[in-house]
Amino acid sequence: MSTQNPGPEAPVGQWDRILAFTALTLAALSVACFFAIIIGSATGMNQDAFADGVWPIVAAVPMWGLPAAFVMIIALLVMSFVRKGRAAKRP
């Protein structure tokens, strides 16, 4: 028994790869910044220390990066479904 689809396989485009790697990088960076905030809080930094230097950027990356990565993954799924649907309609 074969579990493979006998239908035509659509090639993965360059935009799909760019979107996938960008979403993966953004999500990984967001998680790393999230853990940096947790470690910084655990070491005894007070609220005033988080307001200076690079910490506001570190705090903003998870706030904006994770939702952006989620939207990119949803867009990637939609693009994949459209590509496979068009490939299935081809004679």
PDB file of N, CA and C in Angstrom:
ATOM      1  N   MET A   1       0.827  -1.185   0.000  1.00  0.00           N
ATOM      2  CA  MET A   1       0.000   0.000   0.000  1.00  0.00           C
ATOM      3  C   MET A   1       0.868   1.244   0.000  1.00  0.00           C
ATOM      4  N   SER A   2       0.517   2.147  -0.823  1.00  0.00           N
ATOM      5  CA  SER A   2       1.249   3.393  -0.910  1.00  0.00           C
ATOM      6  C   SER A   2       0.455   4.496  -0.220  1.00  0.00           C
ATOM      7  N   THR A   3       1.144   5.310   0.561  1.00  0.00           N
ATOM      8  CA  THR A   3       0.481   6.425   1.231  1.00  0.00           C
ATOM      9  C   THR A   3       0.733   7.738   0.514  1.00  0.00           C
ATOM     10  N   GLN A   4       1.445   7.708  -0.580  1.00  0.00           N
ATOM     11  CA  GLN A   4       1.740   8.925  -1.320  1.00  0.00           C
ATOM     12  C   GLN A   4       0.562   9.311  -2.189  1.00  0.00           C
ATOM     13  N   ASN A   5       0.445  10.616  -2.411  1.00  0.00           N
ATOM     14  CA  ASN A   5      -0.587  11.150  -3.274  1.00  0.00           C
ATOM     15  C   ASN A   5      -0.159  10.981  -4.726  1.00  0.00           C
ATOM     16  N   PRO A   6      -1.014  10.428  -5.588  1.00  0.00           N
ATOM     17  CA  PRO A   6      -0.622  10.295  -6.988  1.00  0.00           C
ATOM     18  C   PRO A   6      -0.762  11.594  -7.768  1.00  0.00           C
ATOM     19  N   GLY A   7      -1.334  12.625  -7.150  1.00  0.00           N
ATOM     20  CA  GLY A   7      -1.570  13.894  -7.827  1.00  0.00           C
ATOM     21  C   GLY A   7      -0.281  14.662  -8.076  1.00  0.00           C
ATOM     22  N   PRO A   8      -0.375  15.690  -8.897  1.00  0.00           N
ATOM     23  CA  PRO A   8       0.807  16.500  -9.200  1.00  0.00           C
ATOM     24  C   PRO A   8       1.259  17.291  -7.975  1.00  0.00           C
ATOM     25  N   GLU A   9       2.532  17.449  -7.842  1.00  0.00           N
ATOM     26  CA  GLU A   9       3.113  18.187  -6.715  1.00  0.00           C
ATOM     27  C   GLU A   9       3.580  19.549  -7.218  1.00  0.00           C
ATOM     28  N   ALA A  10       3.086  20.613  -6.605  1.00  0.00           N
ATOM     29  CA  ALA A  10       3.451  21.963  -7.007  1.00  0.00           C
ATOM     30  C   ALA A  10       4.801  22.325  -6.394  1.00  0.00           C
ATOM     31  N   PRO A  11       5.667  22.958  -7.159  1.00  0.00           N
ATOM     32  CA  PRO A  11       6.962  23.345  -6.597  1.00  0.00           C
ATOM     33  C   PRO A  11       6.814  24.458  -5.560  1.00  0.00           C
ATOM     34  N   VAL A  12       7.673  24.410  -4.575  1.00  0.00           N
ATOM     35  CA  VAL A  12       7.662  25.432  -3.529  1.00  0.00           C
ATOM     36  C   VAL A  12       8.385  26.659  -4.065  1.00  0.00           C
ATOM     37  N   GLY A  13       7.744  27.801  -3.936  1.00  0.00           N
ATOM     38  CA  GLY A  13       8.303  29.029  -4.480  1.00  0.00           C
ATOM     39  C   GLY A  13       9.279  29.708  -3.530  1.00  0.00           C
ATOM     40  N   GLN A  14       9.951  30.699  -4.055  1.00  0.00           N
ATOM     41  CA  GLN A  14      10.931  31.433  -3.277  1.00  0.00           C
ATOM     42  C   GLN A  14      10.260  32.225  -2.160  1.00  0.00           C
ATOM     43  N   TRP A  15       9.075  32.781  -2.411  1.00  0.00           N
ATOM     44  CA  TRP A  15       8.367  33.536  -1.382  1.00  0.00           C
ATOM     45  C   TRP A  15       7.956  32.644  -0.222  1.00  0.00           C
ATOM     46  N   ASP A  16       7.628  31.393  -0.523  1.00  0.00           N
ATOM     47  CA  ASP A  16       7.277  30.460   0.542  1.00  0.00           C
ATOM     48  C   ASP A  16       8.465  30.212   1.462  1.00  0.00           C
ATOM     49  N   ARG A  17       9.623  30.032   0.877  1.00  0.00           N
ATOM     50  CA  ARG A  17      10.830  29.809   1.683  1.00  0.00           C
ATOM     51  C   ARG A  17      11.189  31.040   2.506  1.00  0.00           C
ATOM     52  N   ILE A  18      11.115  32.207   1.882  1.00  0.00           N
ATOM     53  CA  ILE A  18      11.437  33.445   2.595  1.00  0.00           C
ATOM     54  C   ILE A  18      10.471  33.647   3.762  1.00  0.00           C
ATOM     55  N   LEU A  19       9.191  33.418   3.524  1.00  0.00           N
ATOM     56  CA  LEU A  19       8.185  33.584   4.568  1.00  0.00           C
ATOM     57  C   LEU A  19       8.398  32.573   5.697  1.00  0.00           C
ATOM     58  N   ALA A  20       8.720  31.347   5.350  1.00  0.00           N
ATOM     59  CA  ALA A  20       8.932  30.317   6.367  1.00  0.00           C
ATOM     60  C   ALA A  20      10.156  30.621   7.228  1.00  0.00           C
ATOM     61  N   PHE A  21      11.267  30.954   6.609  1.00  0.00           N
ATOM     62  CA  PHE A  21      12.472  31.243   7.376  1.00  0.00           C
ATOM     63  C   PHE A  21      12.352  32.527   8.181  1.00  0.00           C
ATOM     64  N   THR A  22      11.657  33.518   7.652  1.00  0.00           N
ATOM     65  CA  THR A  22      11.444  34.759   8.395  1.00  0.00           C
ATOM     66  C   THR A  22      10.569  34.510   9.624  1.00  0.00           C
ATOM     67  N   ALA A  23       9.510  33.730   9.457  1.00  0.00           N
ATOM     68  CA  ALA A  23       8.639  33.417  10.592  1.00  0.00           C
ATOM     69  C   ALA A  23       9.396  32.617  11.643  1.00  0.00           C
ATOM     70  N   LEU A  24      10.191  31.647  11.211  1.00  0.00           N
ATOM     71  CA  LEU A  24      10.962  30.840  12.148  1.00  0.00           C
ATOM     72  C   LEU A  24      11.991  31.688  12.893  1.00  0.00           C
ATOM     73  N   THR A  25      12.688  32.551  12.192  1.00  0.00           N
ATOM     74  CA  THR A  25      13.692  33.411  12.813  1.00  0.00           C
ATOM     75  C   THR A  25      13.046  34.387  13.795  1.00  0.00           C
ATOM     76  N   LEU A  26      11.944  34.980  13.397  1.00  0.00           N
ATOM     77  CA  LEU A  26      11.254  35.938  14.263  1.00  0.00           C
ATOM     78  C   LEU A  26      10.705  35.270  15.515  1.00  0.00           C
ATOM     79  N   ALA A  27      10.154  34.072  15.361  1.00  0.00           N
ATOM     80  CA  ALA A  27       9.635  33.355  16.527  1.00  0.00           C
ATOM     81  C   ALA A  27      10.771  32.948  17.465  1.00  0.00           C
ATOM     82  N   ALA A  28      11.882  32.468  16.917  1.00  0.00           N
ATOM     83  CA  ALA A  28      13.022  32.071  17.752  1.00  0.00           C
ATOM     84  C   ALA A  28      13.617  33.277  18.473  1.00  0.00           C
ATOM     85  N   LEU A  29      13.732  34.401  17.797  1.00  0.00           N
ATOM     86  CA  LEU A  29      14.243  35.619  18.412  1.00  0.00           C
ATOM     87  C   LEU A  29      13.304  36.104  19.513  1.00  0.00           C
ATOM     88  N   SER A  30      12.021  36.002  19.286  1.00  0.00           N
ATOM     89  CA  SER A  30      11.039  36.418  20.293  1.00  0.00           C
ATOM     90  C   SER A  30      11.120  35.547  21.541  1.00  0.00           C
ATOM     91  N   VAL A  31      11.260  34.249  21.345  1.00  0.00           N
ATOM     92  CA  VAL A  31      11.375  33.342  22.490  1.00  0.00           C
ATOM     93  C   VAL A  31      12.673  33.607  23.250  1.00  0.00           C
ATOM     94  N   ALA A  32      13.759  33.868  22.526  1.00  0.00           N
ATOM     95  CA  ALA A  32      15.039  34.172  23.181  1.00  0.00           C
ATOM     96  C   ALA A  32      14.936  35.467  23.998  1.00  0.00           C
ATOM     97  N   CYS A  33      14.284  36.474  23.454  1.00  0.00           N
ATOM     98  CA  CYS A  33      14.101  37.725  24.196  1.00  0.00           C
ATOM     99  C   CYS A  33      13.186  37.525  25.398  1.00  0.00           C
ATOM    100  N   PHE A  34      12.192  36.686  25.264  1.00  0.00           N
ATOM    101  CA  PHE A  34      11.305  36.380  26.377  1.00  0.00           C
ATOM    102  C   PHE A  34      12.089  35.734  27.522  1.00  0.00           C
ATOM    103  N   PHE A  35      12.938  34.773  27.188  1.00  0.00           N
ATOM    104  CA  PHE A  35      13.760  34.142  28.220  1.00  0.00           C
ATOM    105  C   PHE A  35      14.786  35.119  28.807  1.00  0.00           C
ATOM    106  N   ALA A  36      15.281  36.058  28.013  1.00  0.00           N
ATOM    107  CA  ALA A  36      16.203  37.070  28.534  1.00  0.00           C
ATOM    108  C   ALA A  36      15.507  37.945  29.575  1.00  0.00           C
ATOM    109  N   ILE A  37      14.251  38.271  29.341  1.00  0.00           N
ATOM    110  CA  ILE A  37      13.495  39.059  30.313  1.00  0.00           C
ATOM    111  C   ILE A  37      13.269  38.245  31.583  1.00  0.00           C
ATOM    112  N   ILE A  38      12.937  36.973  31.430  1.00  0.00           N
ATOM    113  CA  ILE A  38      12.731  36.120  32.609  1.00  0.00           C
ATOM    114  C   ILE A  38      14.017  35.989  33.415  1.00  0.00           C
ATOM    115  N   ILE A  39      15.131  35.771  32.740  1.00  0.00           N
ATOM    116  CA  ILE A  39      16.417  35.641  33.439  1.00  0.00           C
ATOM    117  C   ILE A  39      16.807  36.960  34.094  1.00  0.00           C
ATOM    118  N   GLY A  40      16.564  38.069  33.401  1.00  0.00           N
ATOM    119  CA  GLY A  40      16.861  39.375  33.985  1.00  0.00           C
ATOM    120  C   GLY A  40      16.030  39.649  35.220  1.00  0.00           C
ATOM    121  N   SER A  41      14.782  39.256  35.196  1.00  0.00           N
ATOM    122  CA  SER A  41      13.925  39.443  36.365  1.00  0.00           C
ATOM    123  C   SER A  41      14.347  38.536  37.512  1.00  0.00           C
ATOM    124  N   ALA A  42      14.786  37.333  37.194  1.00  0.00           N
ATOM    125  CA  ALA A  42      15.184  36.378  38.227  1.00  0.00           C
ATOM    126  C   ALA A  42      16.491  36.770  38.911  1.00  0.00           C
ATOM    127  N   THR A  43      17.316  37.528  38.217  1.00  0.00           N
ATOM    128  CA  THR A  43      18.589  37.936  38.815  1.00  0.00           C
ATOM    129  C   THR A  43      18.458  39.144  39.723  1.00  0.00           C
ATOM    130  N   GLY A  44      17.255  39.689  39.835  1.00  0.00           N
ATOM    131  CA  GLY A  44      17.029  40.772  40.780  1.00  0.00           C
ATOM    132  C   GLY A  44      17.023  42.159  40.176  1.00  0.00           C
ATOM    133  N   MET A  45      16.918  42.263  38.864  1.00  0.00           N
ATOM    134  CA  MET A  45      16.840  43.589  38.254  1.00  0.00           C
ATOM    135  C   MET A  45      15.508  44.228  38.619  1.00  0.00           C
ATOM    136  N   ASN A  46      15.546  45.499  38.945  1.00  0.00           N
ATOM    137  CA  ASN A  46      14.299  46.188  39.272  1.00  0.00           C
ATOM    138  C   ASN A  46      13.688  46.801  38.009  1.00  0.00           C
ATOM    139  N   GLN A  47      12.513  47.366  38.127  1.00  0.00           N
ATOM    140  CA  GLN A  47      11.797  47.921  36.987  1.00  0.00           C
ATOM    141  C   GLN A  47      12.560  49.062  36.317  1.00  0.00           C
ATOM    142  N   ASP A  48      13.319  49.829  37.078  1.00  0.00           N
ATOM    143  CA  ASP A  48      14.064  50.949  36.507  1.00  0.00           C
ATOM    144  C   ASP A  48      15.176  50.466  35.584  1.00  0.00           C
ATOM    145  N   ALA A  49      15.745  49.320  35.891  1.00  0.00           N
ATOM    146  CA  ALA A  49      16.822  48.788  35.051  1.00  0.00           C
ATOM    147  C   ALA A  49      16.308  48.354  33.686  1.00  0.00           C
ATOM    148  N   PHE A  50      15.050  47.924  33.605  1.00  0.00           N
ATOM    149  CA  PHE A  50      14.477  47.508  32.323  1.00  0.00           C
ATOM    150  C   PHE A  50      14.109  48.681  31.429  1.00  0.00           C
ATOM    151  N   ALA A  51      14.133  49.894  31.965  1.00  0.00           N
ATOM    152  CA  ALA A  51      13.765  51.069  31.174  1.00  0.00           C
ATOM    153  C   ALA A  51      14.962  51.666  30.440  1.00  0.00           C
ATOM    154  N   ASP A  52      16.158  51.200  30.743  1.00  0.00           N
ATOM    155  CA  ASP A  52      17.365  51.780  30.149  1.00  0.00           C
ATOM    156  C   ASP A  52      18.020  50.807  29.179  1.00  0.00           C
ATOM    157  N   GLY A  53      18.815  51.373  28.276  1.00  0.00           N
ATOM    158  CA  GLY A  53      19.629  50.568  27.376  1.00  0.00           C
ATOM    159  C   GLY A  53      18.813  49.836  26.322  1.00  0.00           C
ATOM    160  N   VAL A  54      19.153  48.574  26.128  1.00  0.00           N
ATOM    161  CA  VAL A  54      18.542  47.763  25.086  1.00  0.00           C
ATOM    162  C   VAL A  54      17.282  47.043  25.567  1.00  0.00           C
ATOM    163  N   TRP A  55      16.984  47.103  26.858  1.00  0.00           N
ATOM    164  CA  TRP A  55      15.865  46.366  27.416  1.00  0.00           C
ATOM    165  C   TRP A  55      14.500  46.737  26.839  1.00  0.00           C
ATOM    166  N   PRO A  56      14.217  47.995  26.515  1.00  0.00           N
ATOM    167  CA  PRO A  56      12.912  48.264  25.878  1.00  0.00           C
ATOM    168  C   PRO A  56      12.740  47.549  24.536  1.00  0.00           C
ATOM    169  N   ILE A  57      13.822  47.418  23.780  1.00  0.00           N
ATOM    170  CA  ILE A  57      13.761  46.702  22.504  1.00  0.00           C
ATOM    171  C   ILE A  57      13.576  45.210  22.759  1.00  0.00           C
ATOM    172  N   VAL A  58      14.301  44.682  23.766  1.00  0.00           N
ATOM    173  CA  VAL A  58      14.179  43.265  24.113  1.00  0.00           C
ATOM    174  C   VAL A  58      12.755  42.964  24.561  1.00  0.00           C
ATOM    175  N   ALA A  59      12.123  43.887  25.245  1.00  0.00           N
ATOM    176  CA  ALA A  59      10.749  43.681  25.696  1.00  0.00           C
ATOM    177  C   ALA A  59       9.745  43.812  24.546  1.00  0.00           C
ATOM    178  N   ALA A  60      10.061  44.621  23.552  1.00  0.00           N
ATOM    179  CA  ALA A  60       9.128  44.827  22.443  1.00  0.00           C
ATOM    180  C   ALA A  60       9.173  43.702  21.416  1.00  0.00           C
ATOM    181  N   VAL A  61      10.293  43.013  21.310  1.00  0.00           N
ATOM    182  CA  VAL A  61      10.414  41.955  20.294  1.00  0.00           C
ATOM    183  C   VAL A  61       9.387  40.837  20.513  1.00  0.00           C
ATOM    184  N   PRO A  62       9.226  40.288  21.721  1.00  0.00           N
ATOM    185  CA  PRO A  62       8.192  39.249  21.872  1.00  0.00           C
ATOM    186  C   PRO A  62       6.771  39.784  21.705  1.00  0.00           C
ATOM    187  N   MET A  63       6.576  41.040  22.097  1.00  0.00           N
ATOM    188  CA  MET A  63       5.234  41.615  22.017  1.00  0.00           C
ATOM    189  C   MET A  63       4.777  41.755  20.562  1.00  0.00           C
ATOM    190  N   TRP A  64       5.677  42.089  19.674  1.00  0.00           N
ATOM    191  CA  TRP A  64       5.329  42.273  18.272  1.00  0.00           C
ATOM    192  C   TRP A  64       5.772  41.105  17.402  1.00  0.00           C
ATOM    193  N   GLY A  65       6.837  40.423  17.800  1.00  0.00           N
ATOM    194  CA  GLY A  65       7.400  39.356  16.968  1.00  0.00           C
ATOM    195  C   GLY A  65       6.562  38.097  16.929  1.00  0.00           C
ATOM    196  N   LEU A  66       6.053  37.657  18.072  1.00  0.00           N
ATOM    197  CA  LEU A  66       5.257  36.434  18.087  1.00  0.00           C
ATOM    198  C   LEU A  66       3.953  36.562  17.299  1.00  0.00           C
ATOM    199  N   PRO A  67       3.195  37.653  17.450  1.00  0.00           N
ATOM    200  CA  PRO A  67       2.002  37.784  16.590  1.00  0.00           C
ATOM    201  C   PRO A  67       2.343  37.904  15.100  1.00  0.00           C
ATOM    202  N   ALA A  68       3.435  38.593  14.793  1.00  0.00           N
ATOM    203  CA  ALA A  68       3.843  38.711  13.386  1.00  0.00           C
ATOM    204  C   ALA A  68       4.233  37.346  12.821  1.00  0.00           C
ATOM    205  N   ALA A  69       4.949  36.546  13.606  1.00  0.00           N
ATOM    206  CA  ALA A  69       5.322  35.203  13.159  1.00  0.00           C
ATOM    207  C   ALA A  69       4.085  34.339  12.964  1.00  0.00           C
ATOM    208  N   PHE A  70       3.105  34.476  13.857  1.00  0.00           N
ATOM    209  CA  PHE A  70       1.858  33.724  13.725  1.00  0.00           C
ATOM    210  C   PHE A  70       1.134  34.096  12.437  1.00  0.00           C
ATOM    211  N   VAL A  71       1.058  35.382  12.134  1.00  0.00           N
ATOM    212  CA  VAL A  71       0.408  35.827  10.902  1.00  0.00           C
ATOM    213  C   VAL A  71       1.163  35.308   9.681  1.00  0.00           C
ATOM    214  N   MET A  72       2.491  35.299   9.744  1.00  0.00           N
ATOM    215  CA  MET A  72       3.284  34.771   8.629  1.00  0.00           C
ATOM    216  C   MET A  72       3.032  33.281   8.419  1.00  0.00           C
ATOM    217  N   ILE A  73       2.894  32.533   9.503  1.00  0.00           N
ATOM    218  CA  ILE A  73       2.632  31.099   9.380  1.00  0.00           C
ATOM    219  C   ILE A  73       1.244  30.857   8.791  1.00  0.00           C
ATOM    220  N   ILE A  74       0.261  31.651   9.198  1.00  0.00           N
ATOM    221  CA  ILE A  74      -1.080  31.535   8.618  1.00  0.00           C
ATOM    222  C   ILE A  74      -1.044  31.881   7.127  1.00  0.00           C
ATOM    223  N   ALA A  75      -0.318  32.929   6.766  1.00  0.00           N
ATOM    224  CA  ALA A  75      -0.183  33.289   5.350  1.00  0.00           C
ATOM    225  C   ALA A  75       0.510  32.176   4.574  1.00  0.00           C
ATOM    226  N   LEU A  76       1.499  31.553   5.171  1.00  0.00           N
ATOM    227  CA  LEU A  76       2.203  30.450   4.524  1.00  0.00           C
ATOM    228  C   LEU A  76       1.264  29.266   4.304  1.00  0.00           C
ATOM    229  N   LEU A  77       0.410  28.967   5.290  1.00  0.00           N
ATOM    230  CA  LEU A  77      -0.563  27.887   5.119  1.00  0.00           C
ATOM    231  C   LEU A  77      -1.555  28.199   4.003  1.00  0.00           C
ATOM    232  N   VAL A  78      -2.040  29.429   3.952  1.00  0.00           N
ATOM    233  CA  VAL A  78      -2.977  29.813   2.894  1.00  0.00           C
ATOM    234  C   VAL A  78      -2.309  29.702   1.529  1.00  0.00           C
ATOM    235  N   MET A  79      -1.078  30.169   1.419  1.00  0.00           N
ATOM    236  CA  MET A  79      -0.355  30.075   0.150  1.00  0.00           C
ATOM    237  C   MET A  79      -0.153  28.615  -0.252  1.00  0.00           C
ATOM    238  N   SER A  80       0.122  27.761   0.708  1.00  0.00           N
ATOM    239  CA  SER A  80       0.318  26.343   0.423  1.00  0.00           C
ATOM    240  C   SER A  80      -0.984  25.700  -0.059  1.00  0.00           C
ATOM    241  N   PHE A  81      -2.104  26.014   0.603  1.00  0.00           N
ATOM    242  CA  PHE A  81      -3.389  25.458   0.182  1.00  0.00           C
ATOM    243  C   PHE A  81      -3.764  25.929  -1.216  1.00  0.00           C
ATOM    244  N   VAL A  82      -3.521  27.195  -1.507  1.00  0.00           N
ATOM    245  CA  VAL A  82      -3.829  27.728  -2.836  1.00  0.00           C
ATOM    246  C   VAL A  82      -2.957  27.051  -3.885  1.00  0.00           C
ATOM    247  N   ARG A  83      -1.668  26.892  -3.597  1.00  0.00           N
ATOM    248  CA  ARG A  83      -0.745  26.265  -4.549  1.00  0.00           C
ATOM    249  C   ARG A  83      -1.148  24.817  -4.818  1.00  0.00           C
ATOM    250  N   LYS A  84      -1.491  24.073  -3.767  1.00  0.00           N
ATOM    251  CA  LYS A  84      -1.882  22.677  -3.949  1.00  0.00           C
ATOM    252  C   LYS A  84      -3.241  22.570  -4.650  1.00  0.00           C
ATOM    253  N   GLY A  85      -4.124  23.504  -4.382  1.00  0.00           N
ATOM    254  CA  GLY A  85      -5.407  23.508  -5.071  1.00  0.00           C
ATOM    255  C   GLY A  85      -5.249  23.771  -6.558  1.00  0.00           C
ATOM    256  N   ARG A  86      -4.384  24.695  -6.913  1.00  0.00           N
ATOM    257  CA  ARG A  86      -4.126  24.976  -8.330  1.00  0.00           C
ATOM    258  C   ARG A  86      -3.431  23.811  -9.000  1.00  0.00           C
ATOM    259  N   ALA A  87      -2.538  23.132  -8.283  1.00  0.00           N
ATOM    260  CA  ALA A  87      -1.846  21.981  -8.850  1.00  0.00           C
ATOM    261  C   ALA A  87      -2.803  20.824  -9.093  1.00  0.00           C
ATOM    262  N   ALA A  88      -3.807  20.684  -8.231  1.00  0.00           N
ATOM    263  CA  ALA A  88      -4.774  19.596  -8.390  1.00  0.00           C
ATOM    264  C   ALA A  88      -5.718  19.857  -9.559  1.00  0.00           C
ATOM    265  N   LYS A  89      -5.958  21.118  -9.899  1.00  0.00           N
ATOM    266  CA  LYS A  89      -6.854  21.452 -11.000  1.00  0.00           C
ATOM    267  C   LYS A  89      -6.184  21.323 -12.372  1.00  0.00           C
ATOM    268  N   ARG A  90      -4.872  21.307 -12.379  1.00  0.00           N
ATOM    269  CA  ARG A  90      -4.156  21.199 -13.649  1.00  0.00           C
ATOM    270  C   ARG A  90      -4.385  19.812 -14.250  1.00  0.00           C
ATOM    271  N   PRO A  91      -4.520  19.780 -15.566  1.00  0.00           N
ATOM    272  CA  PRO A  91      -4.739  18.467 -16.214  1.00  0.00           C
ATOM    273  C   PRO A  91      -3.489  17.615 -16.270  1.00  0.00           C
TER     274      PRO A  91
END
